[in-house]
PDB file of N, CA and C in Angstrom:
ATOM      1  N   MET A   1     -31.838  57.181 -65.002  1.00  0.00           N
ATOM      2  CA  MET A   1     -30.721  57.307 -64.741  1.00  0.00           C
ATOM      3  C   MET A   1     -30.257  56.083 -63.331  1.00  0.00           C
ATOM      4  N   SER A   2     -29.495  55.749 -63.439  1.00  0.00           N
ATOM      5  CA  SER A   2     -29.029  54.619 -62.457  1.00  0.00           C
ATOM      6  C   SER A   2     -28.772  55.304 -61.104  1.00  0.00           C
ATOM      7  N   ARG A   3     -29.654  54.740 -59.767  1.00  0.00           N
ATOM      8  CA  ARG A   3     -29.028  54.858 -58.581  1.00  0.00           C
ATOM      9  C   ARG A   3     -27.773  54.605 -58.001  1.00  0.00           C
ATOM     10  N   LEU A   4     -27.262  55.622 -57.569  1.00  0.00           N
ATOM     11  CA  LEU A   4     -25.943  55.416 -57.047  1.00  0.00           C
ATOM     12  C   LEU A   4     -25.421  54.576 -55.610  1.00  0.00           C
ATOM     13  N   PRO A   5     -25.072  53.416 -55.239  1.00  0.00           N
ATOM     14  CA  PRO A   5     -24.889  52.576 -54.319  1.00  0.00           C
ATOM     15  C   PRO A   5     -23.980  53.463 -53.134  1.00  0.00           C
ATOM     16  N   VAL A   6     -24.589  53.243 -51.905  1.00  0.00           N
ATOM     17  CA  VAL A   6     -23.405  53.419 -50.906  1.00  0.00           C
ATOM     18  C   VAL A   6     -22.092  53.118 -50.422  1.00  0.00           C
ATOM     19  N   ILE A   7     -21.085  53.627 -50.970  1.00  0.00           N
ATOM     20  CA  ILE A   7     -19.625  53.233 -50.571  1.00  0.00           C
ATOM     21  C   ILE A   7     -18.936  53.833 -50.081  1.00  0.00           C
ATOM     22  N   SER A   8     -17.800  53.648 -49.440  1.00  0.00           N
ATOM     23  CA  SER A   8     -16.584  53.809 -48.743  1.00  0.00           C
ATOM     24  C   SER A   8     -15.685  54.869 -49.800  1.00  0.00           C
ATOM     25  N   GLY A   9     -14.861  55.728 -49.239  1.00  0.00           N
ATOM     26  CA  GLY A   9     -13.740  56.179 -50.029  1.00  0.00           C
ATOM     27  C   GLY A   9     -12.901  55.324 -50.436  1.00  0.00           C
ATOM     28  N   ASP A  10     -12.758  54.406 -49.794  1.00  0.00           N
ATOM     29  CA  ASP A  10     -11.929  53.384 -50.426  1.00  0.00           C
ATOM     30  C   ASP A  10     -11.970  52.355 -51.250  1.00  0.00           C
ATOM     31  N   ASP A  11     -13.729  52.133 -51.395  1.00  0.00           N
ATOM     32  CA  ASP A  11     -14.194  51.692 -52.559  1.00  0.00           C
ATOM     33  C   ASP A  11     -14.036  52.402 -53.798  1.00  0.00           C
ATOM     34  N   PHE A  12     -14.093  53.558 -53.168  1.00  0.00           N
ATOM     35  CA  PHE A  12     -13.831  54.783 -54.671  1.00  0.00           C
ATOM     36  C   PHE A  12     -12.571  54.529 -55.208  1.00  0.00           C
ATOM     37  N   VAL A  13     -11.625  54.652 -54.463  1.00  0.00           N
ATOM     38  CA  VAL A  13     -10.730  54.496 -54.867  1.00  0.00           C
ATOM     39  C   VAL A  13     -10.036  53.220 -55.397  1.00  0.00           C
ATOM     40  N   ARG A  14     -10.605  51.985 -55.295  1.00  0.00           N
ATOM     41  CA  ARG A  14     -10.166  50.840 -55.524  1.00  0.00           C
ATOM     42  C   ARG A  14     -11.132  50.965 -57.295  1.00  0.00           C
ATOM     43  N   ALA A  15     -11.766  51.249 -57.388  1.00  0.00           N
ATOM     44  CA  ALA A  15     -12.759  51.553 -58.759  1.00  0.00           C
ATOM     45  C   ALA A  15     -12.072  52.447 -59.523  1.00  0.00           C
ATOM     46  N   MET A  16     -11.684  53.407 -59.166  1.00  0.00           N
ATOM     47  CA  MET A  16     -10.751  54.401 -60.139  1.00  0.00           C
ATOM     48  C   MET A  16      -8.698  53.841 -60.547  1.00  0.00           C
ATOM     49  N   ARG A  17      -8.492  52.816 -59.482  1.00  0.00           N
ATOM     50  CA  ARG A  17      -7.288  52.098 -59.756  1.00  0.00           C
ATOM     51  C   ARG A  17      -7.839  51.512 -61.320  1.00  0.00           C
ATOM     52  N   LYS A  18      -8.956  51.287 -61.515  1.00  0.00           N
ATOM     53  CA  LYS A  18      -9.398  50.076 -62.364  1.00  0.00           C
ATOM     54  C   LYS A  18      -9.356  51.097 -63.991  1.00  0.00           C
ATOM     55  N   ILE A  19      -9.231  52.302 -63.634  1.00  0.00           N
ATOM     56  CA  ILE A  19      -9.027  53.058 -65.078  1.00  0.00           C
ATOM     57  C   ILE A  19      -8.044  54.039 -65.141  1.00  0.00           C
ATOM     58  N   GLY A  20      -6.576  53.535 -64.100  1.00  0.00           N
ATOM     59  CA  GLY A  20      -5.563  54.241 -64.328  1.00  0.00           C
ATOM     60  C   GLY A  20      -5.206  55.298 -62.990  1.00  0.00           C
ATOM     61  N   TYR A  21      -5.943  55.245 -62.048  1.00  0.00           N
ATOM     62  CA  TYR A  21      -5.723  56.597 -61.301  1.00  0.00           C
ATOM     63  C   TYR A  21      -4.691  55.842 -60.508  1.00  0.00           C
ATOM     64  N   VAL A  22      -3.881  56.302 -60.080  1.00  0.00           N
ATOM     65  CA  VAL A  22      -2.642  55.721 -58.700  1.00  0.00           C
ATOM     66  C   VAL A  22      -3.063  56.793 -57.264  1.00  0.00           C
ATOM     67  N   TRP A  23      -2.523  56.280 -56.157  1.00  0.00           N
ATOM     68  CA  TRP A  23      -2.372  56.826 -54.745  1.00  0.00           C
ATOM     69  C   TRP A  23      -1.419  57.668 -55.253  1.00  0.00           C
ATOM     70  N   ASP A  24      -1.397  58.828 -54.694  1.00  0.00           N
ATOM     71  CA  ASP A  24       0.073  59.769 -54.577  1.00  0.00           C
ATOM     72  C   ASP A  24       0.377  60.185 -53.131  1.00  0.00           C
ATOM     73  N   HIS A  25      -0.639  60.511 -52.630  1.00  0.00           N
ATOM     74  CA  HIS A  25      -0.666  61.181 -50.994  1.00  0.00           C
ATOM     75  C   HIS A  25      -1.644  61.146 -50.344  1.00  0.00           C
ATOM     76  N   THR A  26      -1.734  61.393 -48.886  1.00  0.00           N
ATOM     77  CA  THR A  26      -2.656  61.539 -48.160  1.00  0.00           C
ATOM     78  C   THR A  26      -2.496  63.140 -47.537  1.00  0.00           C
ATOM     79  N   GLU A  27      -3.509  63.612 -47.269  1.00  0.00           N
ATOM     80  CA  GLU A  27      -3.793  65.287 -47.012  1.00  0.00           C
ATOM     81  C   GLU A  27      -4.511  64.934 -45.818  1.00  0.00           C
ATOM     82  N   GLY A  28      -4.128  64.984 -44.802  1.00  0.00           N
ATOM     83  CA  GLY A  28      -5.119  64.914 -43.706  1.00  0.00           C
ATOM     84  C   GLY A  28      -6.043  63.672 -43.724  1.00  0.00           C
ATOM     85  N   SER A  29      -7.392  63.686 -43.771  1.00  0.00           N
ATOM     86  CA  SER A  29      -8.425  62.720 -44.379  1.00  0.00           C
ATOM     87  C   SER A  29      -8.706  62.312 -45.535  1.00  0.00           C
ATOM     88  N   HIS A  30      -8.111  62.658 -46.745  1.00  0.00           N
ATOM     89  CA  HIS A  30      -8.391  62.800 -48.149  1.00  0.00           C
ATOM     90  C   HIS A  30      -7.250  61.760 -48.836  1.00  0.00           C
ATOM     91  N   MET A  31      -7.526  61.437 -49.596  1.00  0.00           N
ATOM     92  CA  MET A  31      -6.640  60.267 -50.226  1.00  0.00           C
ATOM     93  C   MET A  31      -6.243  61.073 -51.402  1.00  0.00           C
ATOM     94  N   ILE A  32      -5.649  61.693 -52.311  1.00  0.00           N
ATOM     95  CA  ILE A  32      -4.992  61.818 -53.689  1.00  0.00           C
ATOM     96  C   ILE A  32      -4.827  61.009 -54.637  1.00  0.00           C
ATOM     97  N   LEU A  33      -5.427  60.918 -55.637  1.00  0.00           N
ATOM     98  CA  LEU A  33      -5.030  60.323 -56.743  1.00  0.00           C
ATOM     99  C   LEU A  33      -4.693  61.077 -57.804  1.00  0.00           C
ATOM    100  N   LEU A  34      -3.986  60.500 -58.671  1.00  0.00           N
ATOM    101  CA  LEU A  34      -3.667  61.065 -59.698  1.00  0.00           C
ATOM    102  C   LEU A  34      -3.393  60.356 -61.027  1.00  0.00           C
ATOM    103  N   HIS A  35      -3.647  60.615 -62.202  1.00  0.00           N
ATOM    104  CA  HIS A  35      -3.940  60.064 -63.533  1.00  0.00           C
ATOM    105  C   HIS A  35      -2.503  60.689 -64.169  1.00  0.00           C
ATOM    106  N   SER A  36      -2.318  59.609 -65.047  1.00  0.00           N
ATOM    107  CA  SER A  36      -1.024  59.997 -66.200  1.00  0.00           C
ATOM    108  C   SER A  36      -1.548  61.098 -66.844  1.00  0.00           C
ATOM    109  N   TYR A  37      -2.594  61.349 -67.304  1.00  0.00           N
ATOM    110  CA  TYR A  37      -2.478  62.821 -68.076  1.00  0.00           C
ATOM    111  C   TYR A  37      -2.935  63.979 -66.891  1.00  0.00           C
ATOM    112  N   GLY A  38      -2.796  63.927 -65.945  1.00  0.00           N
ATOM    113  CA  GLY A  38      -2.621  65.136 -65.096  1.00  0.00           C
ATOM    114  C   GLY A  38      -4.048  65.158 -64.264  1.00  0.00           C
ATOM    115  N   GLN A  39      -4.864  64.465 -64.214  1.00  0.00           N
ATOM    116  CA  GLN A  39      -5.990  64.779 -63.787  1.00  0.00           C
ATOM    117  C   GLN A  39      -5.666  64.476 -62.032  1.00  0.00           C
ATOM    118  N   ARG A  40      -5.964  65.158 -61.056  1.00  0.00           N
ATOM    119  CA  ARG A  40      -5.887  64.927 -59.682  1.00  0.00           C
ATOM    120  C   ARG A  40      -7.564  64.848 -58.811  1.00  0.00           C
ATOM    121  N   LEU A  41      -7.754  63.619 -58.278  1.00  0.00           N
ATOM    122  CA  LEU A  41      -8.694  63.406 -57.117  1.00  0.00           C
ATOM    123  C   LEU A  41      -8.335  63.682 -55.851  1.00  0.00           C
ATOM    124  N   SER A  42      -9.236  64.229 -55.021  1.00  0.00           N
ATOM    125  CA  SER A  42      -9.035  64.249 -53.578  1.00  0.00           C
ATOM    126  C   SER A  42     -10.435  63.417 -53.199  1.00  0.00           C
ATOM    127  N   VAL A  43      -9.934  62.718 -52.608  1.00  0.00           N
ATOM    128  CA  VAL A  43     -11.257  61.374 -52.227  1.00  0.00           C
ATOM    129  C   VAL A  43     -11.073  61.271 -50.420  1.00  0.00           C
ATOM    130  N   PRO A  44     -12.127  62.006 -49.780  1.00  0.00           N
ATOM    131  CA  PRO A  44     -12.570  61.531 -48.311  1.00  0.00           C
ATOM    132  C   PRO A  44     -12.262  60.111 -48.159  1.00  0.00           C
ATOM    133  N   ARG A  45     -11.620  59.908 -46.674  1.00  0.00           N
ATOM    134  CA  ARG A  45     -11.394  58.296 -46.398  1.00  0.00           C
ATOM    135  C   ARG A  45     -12.645  58.163 -45.400  1.00  0.00           C
ATOM    136  N   HIS A  46     -14.026  58.172 -45.878  1.00  0.00           N
ATOM    137  CA  HIS A  46     -15.256  58.445 -45.078  1.00  0.00           C
ATOM    138  C   HIS A  46     -15.665  56.774 -44.854  1.00  0.00           C
ATOM    139  N   LYS A  47     -16.386  56.605 -44.259  1.00  0.00           N
ATOM    140  CA  LYS A  47     -16.710  54.844 -44.616  1.00  0.00           C
ATOM    141  C   LYS A  47     -18.399  54.873 -45.483  1.00  0.00           C
ATOM    142  N   GLU A  48     -18.668  56.308 -45.385  1.00  0.00           N
ATOM    143  CA  GLU A  48     -19.675  56.467 -46.879  1.00  0.00           C
ATOM    144  C   GLU A  48     -19.856  57.648 -47.308  1.00  0.00           C
ATOM    145  N   LEU A  49     -19.930  57.582 -48.815  1.00  0.00           N
ATOM    146  CA  LEU A  49     -19.774  58.913 -49.208  1.00  0.00           C
ATOM    147  C   LEU A  49     -21.178  59.425 -49.649  1.00  0.00           C
ATOM    148  N   GLY A  50     -21.201  60.542 -49.492  1.00  0.00           N
ATOM    149  CA  GLY A  50     -22.396  60.905 -49.780  1.00  0.00           C
ATOM    150  C   GLY A  50     -23.057  60.951 -51.227  1.00  0.00           C
ATOM    151  N   PRO A  51     -24.232  60.881 -51.598  1.00  0.00           N
ATOM    152  CA  PRO A  51     -24.687  60.923 -52.927  1.00  0.00           C
ATOM    153  C   PRO A  51     -24.088  61.578 -53.786  1.00  0.00           C
ATOM    154  N   GLY A  52     -24.661  63.458 -53.407  1.00  0.00           N
ATOM    155  CA  GLY A  52     -23.880  64.362 -53.856  1.00  0.00           C
ATOM    156  C   GLY A  52     -22.373  64.509 -54.222  1.00  0.00           C
ATOM    157  N   LEU A  53     -21.303  64.087 -53.388  1.00  0.00           N
ATOM    158  CA  LEU A  53     -19.983  64.032 -53.136  1.00  0.00           C
ATOM    159  C   LEU A  53     -19.753  63.032 -54.093  1.00  0.00           C
ATOM    160  N   LEU A  54     -20.521  61.556 -54.145  1.00  0.00           N
ATOM    161  CA  LEU A  54     -20.203  60.654 -54.970  1.00  0.00           C
ATOM    162  C   LEU A  54     -20.346  60.910 -56.338  1.00  0.00           C
ATOM    163  N   GLY A  55     -21.350  61.532 -56.532  1.00  0.00           N
ATOM    164  CA  GLY A  55     -21.758  62.061 -58.239  1.00  0.00           C
ATOM    165  C   GLY A  55     -20.600  63.240 -58.633  1.00  0.00           C
ATOM    166  N   ALA A  56     -20.140  64.051 -57.665  1.00  0.00           N
ATOM    167  CA  ALA A  56     -19.375  65.220 -58.458  1.00  0.00           C
ATOM    168  C   ALA A  56     -17.912  64.536 -58.514  1.00  0.00           C
ATOM    169  N   LEU A  57     -17.538  63.539 -57.531  1.00  0.00           N
ATOM    170  CA  LEU A  57     -15.944  62.774 -57.826  1.00  0.00           C
ATOM    171  C   LEU A  57     -16.560  61.775 -59.218  1.00  0.00           C
ATOM    172  N   ILE A  58     -17.559  61.456 -59.805  1.00  0.00           N
ATOM    173  CA  ILE A  58     -17.141  60.418 -60.590  1.00  0.00           C
ATOM    174  C   ILE A  58     -17.560  61.491 -61.751  1.00  0.00           C
ATOM    175  N   LYS A  59     -17.769  62.579 -61.617  1.00  0.00           N
ATOM    176  CA  LYS A  59     -17.777  63.587 -62.831  1.00  0.00           C
ATOM    177  C   LYS A  59     -16.332  64.215 -63.009  1.00  0.00           C
ATOM    178  N   ASP A  60     -15.944  64.318 -62.013  1.00  0.00           N
ATOM    179  CA  ASP A  60     -14.486  65.015 -61.693  1.00  0.00           C
ATOM    180  C   ASP A  60     -13.124  64.033 -62.460  1.00  0.00           C
ATOM    181  N   ALA A  61     -13.936  62.886 -62.247  1.00  0.00           N
ATOM    182  CA  ALA A  61     -12.950  61.245 -63.084  1.00  0.00           C
ATOM    183  C   ALA A  61     -13.606  61.300 -64.568  1.00  0.00           C
ATOM    184  N   GLY A  62     -14.377  61.941 -65.021  1.00  0.00           N
ATOM    185  CA  GLY A  62     -14.673  62.140 -66.467  1.00  0.00           C
ATOM    186  C   GLY A  62     -15.652  61.115 -66.611  1.00  0.00           C
ATOM    187  N   LEU A  63     -16.166  60.521 -65.884  1.00  0.00           N
ATOM    188  CA  LEU A  63     -17.100  59.068 -65.949  1.00  0.00           C
ATOM    189  C   LEU A  63     -18.480  59.790 -65.771  1.00  0.00           C
ATOM    190  N   THR A  64     -19.458  58.572 -66.634  1.00  0.00           N
ATOM    191  CA  THR A  64     -21.205  58.742 -66.323  1.00  0.00           C
ATOM    192  C   THR A  64     -21.196  57.702 -65.299  1.00  0.00           C
ATOM    193  N   ARG A  65     -22.402  58.200 -64.619  1.00  0.00           N
ATOM    194  CA  ARG A  65     -22.554  57.162 -63.996  1.00  0.00           C
ATOM    195  C   ARG A  65     -22.927  55.865 -63.879  1.00  0.00           C
ATOM    196  N   ASP A  66     -23.094  55.163 -65.262  1.00  0.00           N
ATOM    197  CA  ASP A  66     -23.025  53.847 -65.793  1.00  0.00           C
ATOM    198  C   ASP A  66     -21.750  53.422 -65.917  1.00  0.00           C
ATOM    199  N   GLN A  67     -20.767  54.187 -66.413  1.00  0.00           N
ATOM    200  CA  GLN A  67     -19.665  53.780 -66.799  1.00  0.00           C
ATOM    201  C   GLN A  67     -18.918  53.638 -65.221  1.00  0.00           C
ATOM    202  N   PHE A  68     -19.314  54.601 -64.102  1.00  0.00           N
ATOM    203  CA  PHE A  68     -18.813  54.040 -62.871  1.00  0.00           C
ATOM    204  C   PHE A  68     -19.218  53.224 -62.179  1.00  0.00           C
ATOM    205  N   LEU A  69     -20.475  52.422 -62.413  1.00  0.00           N
ATOM    206  CA  LEU A  69     -21.120  51.022 -61.914  1.00  0.00           C
ATOM    207  C   LEU A  69     -20.667  50.194 -62.424  1.00  0.00           C
ATOM    208  N   LYS A  70     -20.246  50.083 -63.846  1.00  0.00           N
ATOM    209  CA  LYS A  70     -19.611  48.860 -64.227  1.00  0.00           C
ATOM    210  C   LYS A  70     -18.369  48.747 -63.522  1.00  0.00           C
ATOM    211  N   LEU A  71     -17.558  49.737 -63.359  1.00  0.00           N
ATOM    212  CA  LEU A  71     -16.415  49.837 -62.820  1.00  0.00           C
ATOM    213  C   LEU A  71     -16.489  48.847 -61.244  1.00  0.00           C
ATOM    214  N   LEU A  72     -17.337  49.377 -60.562  1.00  0.00           N
ATOM    215  CA  LEU A  72     -17.322  48.622 -59.362  1.00  0.00           C
ATOM    216  C   LEU A  72     -18.151  47.143 -59.494  1.00  0.00           C
ATOM    217  N   ARG A  73     -18.593  46.522 -60.444  1.00  0.00           N
ATOM    218  CA  ARG A  73     -19.079  45.560 -60.535  1.00  0.00           C
ATOM    219  C   ARG A  73     -17.676  44.210 -61.211  1.00  0.00           C
ATOM    220  N   LYS A  74     -16.763  44.830 -61.836  1.00  0.00           N
ATOM    221  CA  LYS A  74     -15.852  44.295 -61.889  1.00  0.00           C
ATOM    222  C   LYS A  74     -15.074  43.558 -61.352  1.00  0.00           C
TER     223      LYS A  74
END
Protein backbone atom coordinates (compact mmCIF):
# COMPACT_ATOMS: atom_id res chain seq x y z
CA MET A 1 0.00 0.00 0.00
CA SER A 2 1.33 3.43 -0.94
CA ARG A 3 2.17 5.90 1.78
CA LEU A 4 0.18 9.12 1.62
CA PRO A 5 2.07 12.42 1.29
CA VAL A 6 1.59 15.37 3.61
CA ILE A 7 -0.64 17.82 1.74
CA SER A 8 -2.80 20.82 2.58
CA GLY A 9 -6.57 21.08 2.31
CA ASP A 10 -6.11 23.33 -0.72
CA ASP A 11 -3.95 20.67 -2.42
CA PHE A 12 -6.66 18.09 -1.77
CA VAL A 13 -9.28 20.36 -3.33
CA ARG A 14 -7.11 20.88 -6.44
CA ALA A 15 -6.88 17.10 -6.86
CA MET A 16 -10.64 16.65 -6.44
CA ARG A 17 -11.36 19.27 -9.10
CA LYS A 18 -9.65 16.98 -11.61
CA ILE A 19 -12.41 14.39 -11.14
CA GLY A 20 -15.39 16.72 -11.21
CA TYR A 21 -15.75 18.14 -7.70
CA VAL A 22 -16.47 21.86 -7.50
CA TRP A 23 -16.19 24.28 -4.60
CA ASP A 24 -19.68 25.16 -3.36
CA HIS A 25 -19.13 27.27 -0.25
CA THR A 26 -17.13 27.61 2.96
CA GLU A 27 -18.44 26.82 6.44
CA GLY A 28 -16.03 28.21 9.01
CA SER A 29 -12.65 26.69 8.14
CA HIS A 30 -14.10 23.92 5.94
CA MET A 31 -14.44 24.00 2.17
CA ILE A 32 -17.55 22.23 0.91
CA LEU A 33 -17.14 20.43 -2.42
CA LEU A 34 -19.94 18.97 -4.51
CA HIS A 35 -19.93 16.45 -7.33
CA SER A 36 -22.54 16.30 -10.06
CA TYR A 37 -23.84 12.94 -8.79
CA GLY A 38 -24.63 14.46 -5.37
CA GLN A 39 -21.53 13.55 -3.35
CA ARG A 40 -20.53 16.20 -0.77
CA LEU A 41 -17.09 16.52 0.84
CA SER A 42 -16.17 18.78 3.74
CA VAL A 43 -12.42 19.54 3.60
CA PRO A 44 -10.71 21.47 6.39
CA ARG A 45 -8.53 24.31 5.17
CA HIS A 46 -5.45 23.24 7.12
CA LYS A 47 -1.80 23.52 6.11
CA GLU A 48 -1.42 19.78 6.71
CA LEU A 49 -4.07 17.07 6.65
CA GLY A 50 -3.32 14.21 9.02
CA PRO A 51 -2.93 10.76 7.47
CA GLY A 52 -6.14 9.45 9.06
CA LEU A 53 -8.19 12.41 7.86
CA LEU A 54 -6.67 12.29 4.38
CA GLY A 55 -7.41 8.57 4.13
CA ALA A 56 -11.01 9.15 5.21
CA LEU A 57 -11.46 11.96 2.66
CA ILE A 58 -10.06 9.76 -0.11
CA LYS A 59 -12.44 6.96 0.86
CA ASP A 60 -15.41 9.37 1.05
CA ALA A 61 -14.55 10.56 -2.47
CA GLY A 62 -14.78 6.93 -3.67
CA LEU A 63 -11.10 6.64 -4.57
CA THR A 64 -8.31 4.25 -3.69
CA ARG A 65 -5.01 5.57 -2.38
CA ASP A 66 -3.31 4.77 -5.69
CA GLN A 67 -5.99 6.58 -7.70
CA PHE A 68 -5.57 9.63 -5.46
CA LEU A 69 -1.78 9.59 -5.79
CA LYS A 70 -2.15 9.56 -9.60
CA LEU A 71 -4.36 12.66 -9.36
CA LEU A 72 -1.63 14.46 -7.42
CA ARG A 73 0.92 13.68 -10.13
CA LYS A 74 -1.24 15.00 -13.00
